[in-house]
Amino acid sequence: LTTGRPLQAIGTFLEELDLLGENQYSITFNGGLVQENTGRILDKTGFSIDDVRVIRQVTNQLDLPLDVLYGGD
């Protein structure tokens, strides 16, 4: 399954589509995270803190909301 949502938010869909077994994968956060549906992360792509600062400056100027998640590494 591919989505902009986090894995925790699509559990109902995964269950309905019978995608909870072994070798089932999801691409979440609009492609930023590839993981097994068990939660194990296979690959991820993110922005540097400097990139986030630039993006935040632009969203502030445009009066747009911005949600940022930090993966801790």
C-alpha atoms as a PDB file:
ATOM      1  CA  LEU A   1       0.000   0.000   0.000  1.00  0.00           C
ATOM      2  CA  THR A   2       1.245   3.513  -0.744  1.00  0.00           C
ATOM      3  CA  THR A   3       0.024   6.526   1.226  1.00  0.00           C
ATOM      4  CA  GLY A   4       0.943   9.855   2.734  1.00  0.00           C
ATOM      5  CA  ARG A   5      -0.164   8.594   6.118  1.00  0.00           C
ATOM      6  CA  PRO A   6       1.896   6.791   8.762  1.00  0.00           C
ATOM      7  CA  LEU A   7       1.605   3.021   9.095  1.00  0.00           C
ATOM      8  CA  GLN A   8      -0.379   3.342  12.338  1.00  0.00           C
ATOM      9  CA  ALA A   9      -3.100   5.267  10.486  1.00  0.00           C
ATOM     10  CA  ILE A  10      -3.690   2.620   7.808  1.00  0.00           C
ATOM     11  CA  GLY A  11      -4.087  -0.500   9.935  1.00  0.00           C
ATOM     12  CA  THR A  12      -7.779  -0.829   9.046  1.00  0.00           C
ATOM     13  CA  PHE A  13      -6.983  -0.681   5.320  1.00  0.00           C
ATOM     14  CA  LEU A  14      -4.166  -3.219   5.659  1.00  0.00           C
ATOM     15  CA  GLU A  15      -6.496  -5.577   7.477  1.00  0.00           C
ATOM     16  CA  GLU A  16      -9.310  -5.114   4.949  1.00  0.00           C
ATOM     17  CA  LEU A  17      -6.916  -5.757   2.050  1.00  0.00           C
ATOM     18  CA  ASP A  18      -5.353  -8.747   3.832  1.00  0.00           C
ATOM     19  CA  LEU A  19      -1.901  -7.148   3.825  1.00  0.00           C
ATOM     20  CA  LEU A  20      -0.873  -8.043   7.370  1.00  0.00           C
ATOM     21  CA  GLY A  21       0.928 -11.306   6.591  1.00  0.00           C
ATOM     22  CA  GLU A  22       4.585 -11.978   5.937  1.00  0.00           C
ATOM     23  CA  ASN A  23       6.296 -10.142   3.088  1.00  0.00           C
ATOM     24  CA  GLN A  24       3.745  -7.319   3.050  1.00  0.00           C
ATOM     25  CA  TYR A  25       5.086  -3.782   2.646  1.00  0.00           C
ATOM     26  CA  SER A  26       3.896  -0.181   2.649  1.00  0.00           C
ATOM     27  CA  ILE A  27       5.383   3.044   1.363  1.00  0.00           C
ATOM     28  CA  THR A  28       4.292   5.721   3.808  1.00  0.00           C
ATOM     29  CA  PHE A  29       4.779   9.445   4.420  1.00  0.00           C
ATOM     30  CA  ASN A  30       4.514  10.146   0.672  1.00  0.00           C
ATOM     31  CA  GLY A  31       7.489   7.933  -0.086  1.00  0.00           C
ATOM     32  CA  GLY A  32       9.620   9.017   2.850  1.00  0.00           C
ATOM     33  CA  LEU A  33       9.430   5.637   4.571  1.00  0.00           C
ATOM     34  CA  VAL A  34       9.412   2.085   3.205  1.00  0.00           C
ATOM     35  CA  GLN A  35       8.543  -0.539   5.761  1.00  0.00           C
ATOM     36  CA  GLU A  36       7.196  -3.981   6.356  1.00  0.00           C
ATOM     37  CA  ASN A  37       3.645  -3.883   7.630  1.00  0.00           C
ATOM     38  CA  THR A  38       5.024  -5.203  10.912  1.00  0.00           C
ATOM     39  CA  GLY A  39       6.626  -1.769  11.352  1.00  0.00           C
ATOM     40  CA  ARG A  40      10.216  -2.726  10.524  1.00  0.00           C
ATOM     41  CA  ILE A  41      11.789   0.121   8.531  1.00  0.00           C
ATOM     42  CA  LEU A  42      13.513  -0.915   5.311  1.00  0.00           C
ATOM     43  CA  ASP A  43      14.451   2.515   3.949  1.00  0.00           C
ATOM     44  CA  LYS A  44      13.776   6.168   4.661  1.00  0.00           C
ATOM     45  CA  THR A  45      14.434   9.556   3.138  1.00  0.00           C
ATOM     46  CA  GLY A  46      14.323  12.810   5.024  1.00  0.00           C
ATOM     47  CA  PHE A  47      15.365  16.435   5.027  1.00  0.00           C
ATOM     48  CA  SER A  48      18.313  17.975   6.828  1.00  0.00           C
ATOM     49  CA  ILE A  49      17.566  20.488   9.586  1.00  0.00           C
ATOM     50  CA  ASP A  50      18.767  23.254   7.255  1.00  0.00           C
ATOM     51  CA  ASP A  51      16.294  22.095   4.589  1.00  0.00           C
ATOM     52  CA  VAL A  52      13.499  22.134   7.162  1.00  0.00           C
ATOM     53  CA  ARG A  53      14.391  25.679   8.196  1.00  0.00           C
ATOM     54  CA  VAL A  54      14.147  26.864   4.576  1.00  0.00           C
ATOM     55  CA  ILE A  55      10.850  25.038   4.044  1.00  0.00           C
ATOM     56  CA  ARG A  56       9.482  26.495   7.287  1.00  0.00           C
ATOM     57  CA  GLN A  57      10.457  30.008   6.230  1.00  0.00           C
ATOM     58  CA  VAL A  58       8.581  29.601   2.940  1.00  0.00           C
ATOM     59  CA  THR A  59       5.486  28.102   4.577  1.00  0.00           C
ATOM     60  CA  ASN A  60       5.459  30.956   7.096  1.00  0.00           C
ATOM     61  CA  GLN A  61       5.624  33.515   4.282  1.00  0.00           C
ATOM     62  CA  LEU A  62       2.736  31.794   2.510  1.00  0.00           C
ATOM     63  CA  ASP A  63       0.786  31.369   5.765  1.00  0.00           C
ATOM     64  CA  LEU A  64       0.655  27.596   5.261  1.00  0.00           C
ATOM     65  CA  PRO A  65       0.685  24.905   7.941  1.00  0.00           C
ATOM     66  CA  LEU A  66       3.655  22.563   8.244  1.00  0.00           C
ATOM     67  CA  ASP A  67       4.010  19.341  10.203  1.00  0.00           C
ATOM     68  CA  VAL A  68       7.517  18.043  10.793  1.00  0.00           C
ATOM     69  CA  LEU A  69       8.404  14.626  12.170  1.00  0.00           C
ATOM     70  CA  TYR A  70      11.827  13.879  13.557  1.00  0.00           C
ATOM     71  CA  GLY A  71      13.159  10.341  13.357  1.00  0.00           C
ATOM     72  CA  GLY A  72      15.810  10.825  15.994  1.00  0.00           C
ATOM     73  CA  ASP A  73      18.956  10.165  14.012  1.00  0.00           C
END
